[in-house]
Amino acid sequence: MEIIDNSTTESNEESHGKTSRPKWGVVLVWVFVLGLLAVLGVGLVRSQRGSIKVGDRVPDLILTTFEGDEIDFADLRGQIVVVNFWASWCKPCEQEAVELEQAYKLYKDQGVVFLGVDYVDTETEARGYLAKFGITYPNGPDLGTRISQAFRTLGVPETYIIGPDGRLVAVKIGPYLSLDEIVNQIETVMAEHK
């Protein structure tokens, strides 16, 4: 009977350049860790950048509506503009949709412009959302996120109110909880810009 000493065989293989293959589990863990670090890094950069701030001039942008009309933000100077970022897949957006439409109807004849910016959505889903909630103020897609990047949005819903001078005067992160909340914010802005 012959006894084989495996420790010598393994050490001989290692000394001759043969190594064991990396474990796939270890590789997957490293890929996960690196991916997580990348996501955290992007989040950190975004959080440091933050939202556009009250008092900042809003960039001149053009929103192309679902009907194909172009709305140039520069042409809206002299008016109060309410810009709401939403998406059909956003449940909190549904909480404020009807109230925003009601506010639009209250203020459309008083020089307050409402614009909806549909964030990363399909046109079919977006149009369905607008129909479901009876939204009639101008809305357009932001598939390339050009407008949301200019406002430095962090998610949806977010609402920005622009004063007649083209500067940001109010920001609402998250959904409005009532029509009164929207009305109070607009009334405050109107009183400050008489």
N, C-alpha and C. Protein backbone atom coordinates (compact mmCIF):
# COMPACT_ATOMS: atom_id res chain seq x y z
N MET A 1 0.83 -1.15 0.00
CA MET A 1 0.00 0.00 0.00
C MET A 1 0.88 1.24 0.00
N GLU A 2 0.56 2.15 -0.90
CA GLU A 2 1.38 3.34 -1.05
C GLU A 2 0.63 4.55 -0.49
N ILE A 3 1.30 5.39 0.25
CA ILE A 3 0.70 6.59 0.83
C ILE A 3 1.21 7.78 0.04
N ILE A 4 0.26 8.62 -0.40
CA ILE A 4 0.62 9.80 -1.18
C ILE A 4 0.45 11.03 -0.30
N ASP A 5 1.46 11.85 -0.27
CA ASP A 5 1.42 13.09 0.52
C ASP A 5 0.99 14.23 -0.42
N ASN A 6 -0.27 14.67 -0.31
CA ASN A 6 -0.82 15.74 -1.17
C ASN A 6 -0.20 17.10 -0.90
N SER A 7 0.27 17.34 0.28
CA SER A 7 0.84 18.66 0.59
C SER A 7 2.05 18.94 -0.27
N THR A 8 2.84 17.92 -0.58
CA THR A 8 4.00 18.12 -1.43
C THR A 8 3.56 18.38 -2.86
N THR A 9 2.53 17.69 -3.32
CA THR A 9 2.06 17.86 -4.69
C THR A 9 1.52 19.28 -4.89
N GLU A 10 0.71 19.77 -3.93
CA GLU A 10 0.15 21.11 -4.05
C GLU A 10 1.24 22.16 -4.01
N SER A 11 2.20 22.00 -3.12
CA SER A 11 3.25 23.01 -3.04
C SER A 11 4.13 22.96 -4.28
N ASN A 12 4.32 21.77 -4.87
CA ASN A 12 5.09 21.68 -6.11
C ASN A 12 4.36 22.38 -7.25
N GLU A 13 2.99 22.24 -7.33
CA GLU A 13 2.23 22.90 -8.38
C GLU A 13 2.32 24.41 -8.24
N GLU A 14 2.22 24.90 -7.02
CA GLU A 14 2.30 26.34 -6.80
C GLU A 14 3.68 26.87 -7.15
N SER A 15 4.70 26.12 -6.83
CA SER A 15 6.05 26.58 -7.11
C SER A 15 6.36 26.56 -8.60
N HIS A 16 5.62 25.78 -9.37
CA HIS A 16 5.83 25.73 -10.82
C HIS A 16 4.88 26.66 -11.58
N GLY A 17 4.20 27.60 -10.87
CA GLY A 17 3.37 28.60 -11.54
C GLY A 17 1.92 28.21 -11.70
N LYS A 18 1.52 27.05 -11.26
CA LYS A 18 0.12 26.66 -11.37
C LYS A 18 -0.61 27.19 -10.14
N THR A 19 -1.69 27.93 -10.38
CA THR A 19 -2.48 28.44 -9.26
C THR A 19 -3.92 27.99 -9.44
N SER A 20 -4.66 28.02 -8.37
CA SER A 20 -6.06 27.64 -8.47
C SER A 20 -6.85 28.80 -9.09
N ARG A 21 -7.97 28.50 -9.73
CA ARG A 21 -8.82 29.52 -10.35
C ARG A 21 -9.51 30.34 -9.27
N PRO A 22 -9.78 31.63 -9.59
CA PRO A 22 -10.51 32.44 -8.60
C PRO A 22 -11.93 31.91 -8.44
N LYS A 23 -12.43 31.98 -7.29
CA LYS A 23 -13.79 31.53 -7.03
C LYS A 23 -14.76 32.56 -7.62
N TRP A 24 -15.78 32.09 -8.34
CA TRP A 24 -16.74 33.00 -8.96
C TRP A 24 -17.49 33.81 -7.92
N GLY A 25 -17.70 33.25 -6.77
CA GLY A 25 -18.37 33.98 -5.70
C GLY A 25 -17.60 35.22 -5.30
N VAL A 26 -16.28 35.09 -5.22
CA VAL A 26 -15.43 36.23 -4.85
C VAL A 26 -15.49 37.30 -5.94
N VAL A 27 -15.47 36.87 -7.19
CA VAL A 27 -15.54 37.80 -8.31
C VAL A 27 -16.87 38.56 -8.27
N LEU A 28 -17.96 37.84 -8.05
CA LEU A 28 -19.27 38.48 -8.00
C LEU A 28 -19.37 39.47 -6.84
N VAL A 29 -18.80 39.13 -5.71
CA VAL A 29 -18.80 40.04 -4.57
C VAL A 29 -18.05 41.33 -4.93
N TRP A 30 -16.90 41.20 -5.57
CA TRP A 30 -16.14 42.39 -5.96
C TRP A 30 -16.90 43.24 -6.98
N VAL A 31 -17.55 42.60 -7.93
CA VAL A 31 -18.35 43.34 -8.92
C VAL A 31 -19.47 44.09 -8.20
N PHE A 32 -20.13 43.43 -7.26
CA PHE A 32 -21.20 44.07 -6.50
C PHE A 32 -20.67 45.26 -5.70
N VAL A 33 -19.57 45.07 -5.02
CA VAL A 33 -18.98 46.14 -4.19
C VAL A 33 -18.59 47.33 -5.06
N LEU A 34 -17.95 47.08 -6.20
CA LEU A 34 -17.56 48.17 -7.09
C LEU A 34 -18.79 48.90 -7.65
N GLY A 35 -19.82 48.13 -8.01
CA GLY A 35 -21.06 48.74 -8.49
C GLY A 35 -21.72 49.60 -7.43
N LEU A 36 -21.74 49.10 -6.20
CA LEU A 36 -22.31 49.85 -5.09
C LEU A 36 -21.54 51.15 -4.85
N LEU A 37 -20.22 51.07 -4.90
CA LEU A 37 -19.40 52.27 -4.73
C LEU A 37 -19.67 53.29 -5.83
N ALA A 38 -19.87 52.81 -7.06
CA ALA A 38 -20.17 53.73 -8.16
C ALA A 38 -21.51 54.43 -7.94
N VAL A 39 -22.53 53.66 -7.53
CA VAL A 39 -23.84 54.25 -7.26
C VAL A 39 -23.76 55.27 -6.13
N LEU A 40 -23.06 54.93 -5.06
CA LEU A 40 -22.91 55.85 -3.94
C LEU A 40 -22.16 57.11 -4.37
N GLY A 41 -21.17 56.95 -5.22
CA GLY A 41 -20.41 58.11 -5.70
C GLY A 41 -21.27 59.05 -6.51
N VAL A 42 -22.11 58.50 -7.39
CA VAL A 42 -23.02 59.33 -8.19
C VAL A 42 -24.00 60.04 -7.27
N GLY A 43 -24.53 59.31 -6.29
CA GLY A 43 -25.46 59.92 -5.34
C GLY A 43 -24.82 61.03 -4.54
N LEU A 44 -23.57 60.85 -4.15
CA LEU A 44 -22.85 61.86 -3.39
C LEU A 44 -22.65 63.12 -4.23
N VAL A 45 -22.27 62.93 -5.48
CA VAL A 45 -22.07 64.08 -6.37
C VAL A 45 -23.39 64.83 -6.54
N ARG A 46 -24.48 64.08 -6.76
CA ARG A 46 -25.79 64.72 -6.94
C ARG A 46 -26.22 65.46 -5.68
N SER A 47 -25.99 64.85 -4.50
CA SER A 47 -26.43 65.49 -3.27
C SER A 47 -25.62 66.75 -2.99
N GLN A 48 -24.36 66.76 -3.37
CA GLN A 48 -23.55 67.96 -3.18
C GLN A 48 -23.99 69.05 -4.14
N ARG A 49 -24.42 68.64 -5.30
CA ARG A 49 -24.88 69.58 -6.31
C ARG A 49 -26.21 70.19 -5.87
N GLY A 50 -27.11 69.35 -5.32
CA GLY A 50 -28.37 69.80 -4.77
C GLY A 50 -29.32 70.38 -5.80
N SER A 51 -30.50 70.68 -5.33
CA SER A 51 -31.51 71.28 -6.18
C SER A 51 -31.17 72.73 -6.47
N ILE A 52 -31.78 73.25 -7.50
CA ILE A 52 -31.67 74.67 -7.79
C ILE A 52 -32.24 75.39 -6.56
N LYS A 53 -31.69 76.51 -6.21
CA LYS A 53 -32.07 77.18 -4.97
C LYS A 53 -32.94 78.41 -5.22
N VAL A 54 -33.77 78.70 -4.24
CA VAL A 54 -34.59 79.90 -4.31
C VAL A 54 -33.66 81.10 -4.50
N GLY A 55 -34.02 81.94 -5.44
CA GLY A 55 -33.20 83.11 -5.77
C GLY A 55 -32.35 82.89 -7.02
N ASP A 56 -32.13 81.62 -7.40
CA ASP A 56 -31.36 81.33 -8.61
C ASP A 56 -32.18 81.67 -9.85
N ARG A 57 -31.49 82.13 -10.88
CA ARG A 57 -32.15 82.35 -12.17
C ARG A 57 -32.38 80.98 -12.81
N VAL A 58 -33.59 80.79 -13.31
CA VAL A 58 -33.93 79.53 -13.97
C VAL A 58 -33.40 79.60 -15.40
N PRO A 59 -32.71 78.55 -15.85
CA PRO A 59 -32.16 78.58 -17.21
C PRO A 59 -33.26 78.70 -18.27
N ASP A 60 -32.91 79.31 -19.39
CA ASP A 60 -33.84 79.38 -20.51
C ASP A 60 -33.93 78.00 -21.14
N LEU A 61 -35.12 77.45 -21.12
CA LEU A 61 -35.36 76.10 -21.64
C LEU A 61 -36.55 76.14 -22.57
N ILE A 62 -36.67 75.10 -23.36
CA ILE A 62 -37.85 74.95 -24.21
C ILE A 62 -38.47 73.60 -23.90
N LEU A 63 -39.76 73.62 -23.54
CA LEU A 63 -40.53 72.41 -23.31
C LEU A 63 -41.39 72.17 -24.54
N THR A 64 -41.22 71.02 -25.17
CA THR A 64 -42.08 70.65 -26.28
C THR A 64 -43.20 69.79 -25.71
N THR A 65 -44.43 70.26 -25.87
CA THR A 65 -45.57 69.56 -25.29
C THR A 65 -45.89 68.29 -26.07
N PHE A 66 -46.77 67.48 -25.49
CA PHE A 66 -47.20 66.26 -26.18
C PHE A 66 -47.94 66.58 -27.48
N GLU A 67 -48.47 67.80 -27.58
CA GLU A 67 -49.16 68.22 -28.80
C GLU A 67 -48.21 68.80 -29.82
N GLY A 68 -46.93 68.95 -29.47
CA GLY A 68 -45.93 69.45 -30.40
C GLY A 68 -45.66 70.95 -30.30
N ASP A 69 -46.34 71.64 -29.39
CA ASP A 69 -46.10 73.07 -29.20
C ASP A 69 -44.81 73.27 -28.41
N GLU A 70 -44.09 74.34 -28.74
CA GLU A 70 -42.86 74.66 -28.00
C GLU A 70 -43.13 75.82 -27.06
N ILE A 71 -42.79 75.62 -25.78
CA ILE A 71 -42.95 76.66 -24.78
C ILE A 71 -41.56 77.07 -24.32
N ASP A 72 -41.20 78.31 -24.63
CA ASP A 72 -39.89 78.84 -24.27
C ASP A 72 -40.00 79.54 -22.92
N PHE A 73 -39.23 79.07 -21.95
CA PHE A 73 -39.28 79.66 -20.61
C PHE A 73 -38.98 81.16 -20.65
N ALA A 74 -38.11 81.59 -21.54
CA ALA A 74 -37.75 83.01 -21.65
C ALA A 74 -38.98 83.85 -22.02
N ASP A 75 -39.88 83.28 -22.81
CA ASP A 75 -41.10 84.00 -23.22
C ASP A 75 -42.09 84.16 -22.07
N LEU A 76 -41.87 83.44 -20.98
CA LEU A 76 -42.81 83.49 -19.85
C LEU A 76 -42.42 84.52 -18.80
N ARG A 77 -41.31 85.24 -19.04
CA ARG A 77 -40.90 86.28 -18.09
C ARG A 77 -42.04 87.28 -17.94
N GLY A 78 -42.20 87.77 -16.73
CA GLY A 78 -43.29 88.68 -16.43
C GLY A 78 -44.49 87.96 -15.85
N GLN A 79 -44.45 86.63 -15.86
CA GLN A 79 -45.54 85.83 -15.31
C GLN A 79 -44.99 84.90 -14.22
N ILE A 80 -45.87 84.46 -13.35
CA ILE A 80 -45.50 83.43 -12.38
C ILE A 80 -45.70 82.10 -13.08
N VAL A 81 -44.70 81.23 -12.97
CA VAL A 81 -44.74 79.93 -13.65
C VAL A 81 -44.59 78.82 -12.62
N VAL A 82 -45.52 77.87 -12.66
CA VAL A 82 -45.49 76.70 -11.79
C VAL A 82 -45.06 75.52 -12.66
N VAL A 83 -43.91 74.93 -12.35
CA VAL A 83 -43.38 73.80 -13.12
C VAL A 83 -43.41 72.56 -12.24
N ASN A 84 -44.22 71.57 -12.64
CA ASN A 84 -44.37 70.35 -11.87
C ASN A 84 -43.73 69.18 -12.62
N PHE A 85 -42.79 68.50 -11.96
CA PHE A 85 -42.16 67.29 -12.50
C PHE A 85 -42.92 66.09 -11.97
N TRP A 86 -43.35 65.20 -12.87
CA TRP A 86 -44.16 64.05 -12.50
C TRP A 86 -43.83 62.88 -13.42
N ALA A 87 -44.42 61.72 -13.13
CA ALA A 87 -44.31 60.55 -14.01
C ALA A 87 -45.54 59.68 -13.78
N SER A 88 -45.94 58.97 -14.81
CA SER A 88 -47.13 58.12 -14.69
C SER A 88 -46.92 56.97 -13.71
N TRP A 89 -45.67 56.57 -13.52
CA TRP A 89 -45.36 55.45 -12.61
C TRP A 89 -45.17 55.92 -11.17
N CYS A 90 -45.31 57.20 -10.91
CA CYS A 90 -45.06 57.80 -9.59
C CYS A 90 -46.36 57.87 -8.79
N LYS A 91 -46.49 57.03 -7.78
CA LYS A 91 -47.70 57.03 -6.94
C LYS A 91 -47.88 58.34 -6.18
N PRO A 92 -46.84 58.93 -5.58
CA PRO A 92 -47.04 60.22 -4.90
C PRO A 92 -47.51 61.33 -5.86
N CYS A 93 -47.16 61.22 -7.14
CA CYS A 93 -47.61 62.23 -8.11
C CYS A 93 -49.14 62.21 -8.23
N GLU A 94 -49.71 61.02 -8.10
CA GLU A 94 -51.16 60.89 -8.19
C GLU A 94 -51.87 61.64 -7.07
N GLN A 95 -51.20 61.77 -5.91
CA GLN A 95 -51.81 62.44 -4.76
C GLN A 95 -52.08 63.92 -5.04
N GLU A 96 -51.29 64.53 -5.91
CA GLU A 96 -51.41 65.97 -6.14
C GLU A 96 -51.97 66.33 -7.51
N ALA A 97 -52.18 65.35 -8.36
CA ALA A 97 -52.55 65.62 -9.76
C ALA A 97 -53.85 66.43 -9.88
N VAL A 98 -54.89 66.00 -9.20
CA VAL A 98 -56.18 66.68 -9.29
C VAL A 98 -56.09 68.09 -8.70
N GLU A 99 -55.37 68.23 -7.58
CA GLU A 99 -55.23 69.54 -6.94
C GLU A 99 -54.46 70.52 -7.82
N LEU A 100 -53.43 70.04 -8.50
CA LEU A 100 -52.69 70.92 -9.41
C LEU A 100 -53.59 71.40 -10.55
N GLU A 101 -54.42 70.52 -11.08
CA GLU A 101 -55.36 70.92 -12.13
C GLU A 101 -56.35 71.95 -11.60
N GLN A 102 -56.85 71.75 -10.38
CA GLN A 102 -57.77 72.71 -9.77
C GLN A 102 -57.09 74.07 -9.59
N ALA A 103 -55.84 74.06 -9.13
CA ALA A 103 -55.10 75.31 -8.96
C ALA A 103 -54.89 76.00 -10.30
N TYR A 104 -54.59 75.22 -11.33
CA TYR A 104 -54.43 75.79 -12.67
C TYR A 104 -55.71 76.53 -13.09
N LYS A 105 -56.85 75.90 -12.87
CA LYS A 105 -58.12 76.52 -13.26
C LYS A 105 -58.40 77.79 -12.45
N LEU A 106 -57.97 77.81 -11.20
CA LEU A 106 -58.15 79.00 -10.35
C LEU A 106 -57.29 80.18 -10.82
N TYR A 107 -56.09 79.89 -11.32
CA TYR A 107 -55.10 80.96 -11.57
C TYR A 107 -54.78 81.22 -13.04
N LYS A 108 -55.31 80.43 -13.96
CA LYS A 108 -54.91 80.60 -15.36
C LYS A 108 -55.28 81.97 -15.92
N ASP A 109 -56.34 82.59 -15.40
CA ASP A 109 -56.74 83.92 -15.88
C ASP A 109 -56.11 85.04 -15.06
N GLN A 110 -55.22 84.68 -14.14
CA GLN A 110 -54.56 85.68 -13.29
C GLN A 110 -53.07 85.80 -13.59
N GLY A 111 -52.65 85.29 -14.75
CA GLY A 111 -51.25 85.42 -15.15
C GLY A 111 -50.32 84.37 -14.56
N VAL A 112 -50.88 83.28 -14.05
CA VAL A 112 -50.05 82.19 -13.53
C VAL A 112 -50.06 81.06 -14.56
N VAL A 113 -48.88 80.66 -14.99
CA VAL A 113 -48.73 79.61 -16.01
C VAL A 113 -48.36 78.30 -15.31
N PHE A 114 -49.03 77.22 -15.68
CA PHE A 114 -48.70 75.90 -15.17
C PHE A 114 -48.10 75.07 -16.30
N LEU A 115 -47.00 74.39 -16.00
CA LEU A 115 -46.36 73.48 -16.96
C LEU A 115 -46.07 72.16 -16.25
N GLY A 116 -46.35 71.07 -16.94
CA GLY A 116 -46.01 69.75 -16.41
C GLY A 116 -44.87 69.17 -17.21
N VAL A 117 -43.90 68.60 -16.51
CA VAL A 117 -42.75 67.96 -17.16
C VAL A 117 -42.77 66.49 -16.78
N ASP A 118 -43.04 65.65 -17.78
CA ASP A 118 -43.13 64.20 -17.57
C ASP A 118 -41.74 63.61 -17.58
N TYR A 119 -41.35 63.04 -16.46
CA TYR A 119 -39.98 62.56 -16.25
C TYR A 119 -39.84 61.08 -16.63
N VAL A 120 -39.01 60.79 -17.60
CA VAL A 120 -38.62 59.43 -18.01
C VAL A 120 -39.84 58.50 -18.03
N ASP A 121 -40.62 58.61 -19.07
CA ASP A 121 -41.88 57.90 -19.17
C ASP A 121 -42.13 57.54 -20.63
N THR A 122 -43.13 56.73 -20.88
CA THR A 122 -43.54 56.49 -22.26
C THR A 122 -44.68 57.44 -22.58
N GLU A 123 -44.79 57.83 -23.83
CA GLU A 123 -45.84 58.77 -24.20
C GLU A 123 -47.23 58.18 -23.94
N THR A 124 -47.40 56.90 -24.23
CA THR A 124 -48.70 56.26 -24.01
C THR A 124 -49.10 56.31 -22.54
N GLU A 125 -48.18 55.94 -21.66
CA GLU A 125 -48.46 55.96 -20.22
C GLU A 125 -48.70 57.39 -19.74
N ALA A 126 -47.91 58.33 -20.24
CA ALA A 126 -48.04 59.72 -19.83
C ALA A 126 -49.40 60.29 -20.25
N ARG A 127 -49.78 60.04 -21.49
CA ARG A 127 -51.08 60.54 -21.96
C ARG A 127 -52.23 59.90 -21.18
N GLY A 128 -52.07 58.63 -20.84
CA GLY A 128 -53.07 57.94 -20.02
C GLY A 128 -53.22 58.59 -18.65
N TYR A 129 -52.10 58.95 -18.07
CA TYR A 129 -52.08 59.63 -16.76
C TYR A 129 -52.80 60.97 -16.85
N LEU A 130 -52.47 61.76 -17.88
CA LEU A 130 -53.09 63.07 -18.05
C LEU A 130 -54.61 62.94 -18.22
N ALA A 131 -55.04 61.95 -18.99
CA ALA A 131 -56.47 61.72 -19.19
C ALA A 131 -57.14 61.26 -17.89
N LYS A 132 -56.50 60.35 -17.20
CA LYS A 132 -57.06 59.79 -15.95
C LYS A 132 -57.35 60.89 -14.93
N PHE A 133 -56.45 61.88 -14.83
CA PHE A 133 -56.61 62.93 -13.83
C PHE A 133 -57.18 64.23 -14.42
N GLY A 134 -57.55 64.21 -15.70
CA GLY A 134 -58.18 65.37 -16.32
C GLY A 134 -57.29 66.60 -16.38
N ILE A 135 -56.00 66.39 -16.59
CA ILE A 135 -55.05 67.50 -16.60
C ILE A 135 -55.07 68.19 -17.96
N THR A 136 -55.31 69.51 -17.94
CA THR A 136 -55.45 70.26 -19.19
C THR A 136 -54.35 71.30 -19.41
N TYR A 137 -53.56 71.60 -18.39
CA TYR A 137 -52.48 72.57 -18.60
C TYR A 137 -51.37 71.90 -19.41
N PRO A 138 -50.51 72.68 -20.09
CA PRO A 138 -49.50 72.11 -20.98
C PRO A 138 -48.53 71.16 -20.26
N ASN A 139 -48.29 70.03 -20.90
CA ASN A 139 -47.36 69.02 -20.39
C ASN A 139 -46.51 68.51 -21.54
N GLY A 140 -45.27 68.17 -21.21
CA GLY A 140 -44.39 67.61 -22.23
C GLY A 140 -43.40 66.64 -21.62
N PRO A 141 -42.85 65.78 -22.46
CA PRO A 141 -41.91 64.76 -21.97
C PRO A 141 -40.50 65.31 -21.73
N ASP A 142 -39.80 64.64 -20.85
CA ASP A 142 -38.38 64.97 -20.58
C ASP A 142 -37.57 63.68 -20.64
N LEU A 143 -37.71 62.94 -21.75
CA LEU A 143 -37.05 61.64 -21.87
C LEU A 143 -35.55 61.72 -21.74
N GLY A 144 -34.95 62.75 -22.28
CA GLY A 144 -33.50 62.91 -22.19
C GLY A 144 -33.06 63.57 -20.89
N THR A 145 -34.00 63.89 -20.04
CA THR A 145 -33.79 64.53 -18.73
C THR A 145 -33.07 65.88 -18.82
N ARG A 146 -33.15 66.53 -19.96
CA ARG A 146 -32.50 67.83 -20.14
C ARG A 146 -33.09 68.88 -19.19
N ILE A 147 -34.43 68.91 -19.09
CA ILE A 147 -35.08 69.91 -18.25
C ILE A 147 -34.88 69.58 -16.77
N SER A 148 -35.05 68.31 -16.41
CA SER A 148 -34.87 67.94 -15.00
C SER A 148 -33.43 68.15 -14.55
N GLN A 149 -32.47 67.96 -15.45
CA GLN A 149 -31.07 68.23 -15.10
C GLN A 149 -30.84 69.72 -14.90
N ALA A 150 -31.49 70.54 -15.70
CA ALA A 150 -31.34 71.99 -15.55
C ALA A 150 -31.89 72.46 -14.19
N PHE A 151 -32.98 71.83 -13.75
CA PHE A 151 -33.55 72.15 -12.44
C PHE A 151 -32.87 71.37 -11.32
N ARG A 152 -32.03 70.40 -11.71
CA ARG A 152 -31.32 69.54 -10.76
C ARG A 152 -32.29 68.81 -9.83
N THR A 153 -33.35 68.27 -10.43
CA THR A 153 -34.33 67.53 -9.65
C THR A 153 -33.70 66.27 -9.08
N LEU A 154 -34.23 65.84 -7.96
CA LEU A 154 -33.75 64.62 -7.32
C LEU A 154 -34.74 63.48 -7.45
N GLY A 155 -35.93 63.78 -7.92
CA GLY A 155 -36.97 62.75 -8.07
C GLY A 155 -38.28 63.40 -8.48
N VAL A 156 -39.35 62.63 -8.39
CA VAL A 156 -40.69 63.15 -8.67
C VAL A 156 -41.61 62.72 -7.54
N PRO A 157 -42.61 63.53 -7.22
CA PRO A 157 -42.91 64.84 -7.77
C PRO A 157 -42.06 65.94 -7.13
N GLU A 158 -41.78 66.93 -7.92
CA GLU A 158 -41.14 68.16 -7.45
C GLU A 158 -41.80 69.31 -8.21
N THR A 159 -42.02 70.41 -7.51
CA THR A 159 -42.66 71.57 -8.12
C THR A 159 -41.82 72.81 -7.84
N TYR A 160 -41.61 73.59 -8.89
CA TYR A 160 -40.80 74.81 -8.81
C TYR A 160 -41.67 75.98 -9.26
N ILE A 161 -41.65 77.06 -8.48
CA ILE A 161 -42.40 78.25 -8.86
C ILE A 161 -41.39 79.34 -9.21
N ILE A 162 -41.56 79.86 -10.41
CA ILE A 162 -40.65 80.87 -10.96
C ILE A 162 -41.36 82.22 -10.90
N GLY A 163 -40.67 83.23 -10.39
CA GLY A 163 -41.23 84.57 -10.32
C GLY A 163 -41.19 85.27 -11.67
N PRO A 164 -41.85 86.41 -11.77
CA PRO A 164 -41.89 87.16 -13.03
C PRO A 164 -40.51 87.57 -13.55
N ASP A 165 -39.52 87.65 -12.65
CA ASP A 165 -38.16 88.03 -13.07
C ASP A 165 -37.33 86.84 -13.54
N GLY A 166 -37.93 85.65 -13.58
CA GLY A 166 -37.21 84.46 -14.06
C GLY A 166 -36.39 83.78 -12.99
N ARG A 167 -36.56 84.21 -11.74
CA ARG A 167 -35.83 83.59 -10.63
C ARG A 167 -36.76 82.64 -9.87
N LEU A 168 -36.15 81.60 -9.34
CA LEU A 168 -36.90 80.62 -8.56
C LEU A 168 -37.34 81.26 -7.25
N VAL A 169 -38.64 81.15 -6.94
CA VAL A 169 -39.15 81.76 -5.71
C VAL A 169 -39.68 80.74 -4.70
N ALA A 170 -39.97 79.51 -5.14
CA ALA A 170 -40.46 78.49 -4.22
C ALA A 170 -40.19 77.10 -4.79
N VAL A 171 -39.95 76.15 -3.89
CA VAL A 171 -39.71 74.76 -4.27
C VAL A 171 -40.52 73.86 -3.37
N LYS A 172 -41.16 72.86 -3.95
CA LYS A 172 -41.88 71.85 -3.18
C LYS A 172 -41.33 70.49 -3.60
N ILE A 173 -40.64 69.82 -2.67
CA ILE A 173 -40.14 68.47 -2.93
C ILE A 173 -41.17 67.51 -2.36
N GLY A 174 -41.66 66.60 -3.18
CA GLY A 174 -42.71 65.69 -2.75
C GLY A 174 -44.07 66.24 -3.15
N PRO A 175 -45.12 65.47 -2.89
CA PRO A 175 -46.45 65.88 -3.35
C PRO A 175 -47.07 66.96 -2.46
N TYR A 176 -47.87 67.82 -3.10
CA TYR A 176 -48.73 68.72 -2.34
C TYR A 176 -49.79 67.84 -1.68
N LEU A 177 -50.15 68.16 -0.47
CA LEU A 177 -51.11 67.33 0.27
C LEU A 177 -52.54 67.86 0.16
N SER A 178 -52.69 69.08 -0.35
CA SER A 178 -54.04 69.64 -0.50
C SER A 178 -54.01 70.81 -1.48
N LEU A 179 -55.19 71.17 -1.96
CA LEU A 179 -55.32 72.35 -2.81
C LEU A 179 -54.94 73.59 -2.02
N ASP A 180 -55.31 73.63 -0.74
CA ASP A 180 -54.97 74.79 0.10
C ASP A 180 -53.47 75.03 0.15
N GLU A 181 -52.69 73.96 0.21
CA GLU A 181 -51.23 74.11 0.26
C GLU A 181 -50.71 74.78 -1.02
N ILE A 182 -51.25 74.37 -2.16
CA ILE A 182 -50.84 74.97 -3.44
C ILE A 182 -51.27 76.43 -3.49
N VAL A 183 -52.53 76.69 -3.13
CA VAL A 183 -53.07 78.05 -3.16
C VAL A 183 -52.26 78.97 -2.25
N ASN A 184 -51.96 78.51 -1.05
CA ASN A 184 -51.18 79.34 -0.12
C ASN A 184 -49.82 79.70 -0.69
N GLN A 185 -49.18 78.72 -1.35
CA GLN A 185 -47.86 78.99 -1.91
C GLN A 185 -47.96 79.99 -3.07
N ILE A 186 -48.93 79.81 -3.93
CA ILE A 186 -49.10 80.73 -5.07
C ILE A 186 -49.50 82.13 -4.58
N GLU A 187 -50.40 82.20 -3.62
CA GLU A 187 -50.83 83.50 -3.08
C GLU A 187 -49.66 84.26 -2.47
N THR A 188 -48.79 83.53 -1.76
CA THR A 188 -47.61 84.15 -1.17
C THR A 188 -46.72 84.74 -2.25
N VAL A 189 -46.50 83.97 -3.31
CA VAL A 189 -45.66 84.44 -4.42
C VAL A 189 -46.31 85.65 -5.10
N MET A 190 -47.61 85.59 -5.31
CA MET A 190 -48.31 86.71 -5.96
C MET A 190 -48.21 87.98 -5.11
N ALA A 191 -48.34 87.84 -3.80
CA ALA A 191 -48.26 89.00 -2.90
C ALA A 191 -46.86 89.62 -2.92
N GLU A 192 -45.84 88.78 -3.04
CA GLU A 192 -44.46 89.26 -3.06
C GLU A 192 -44.09 89.93 -4.38
N HIS A 193 -44.85 89.66 -5.44
CA HIS A 193 -44.49 90.16 -6.77
C HIS A 193 -45.55 91.08 -7.37
N LYS A 194 -46.22 91.84 -6.51
CA LYS A 194 -47.22 92.80 -7.02
C LYS A 194 -46.55 94.05 -7.48
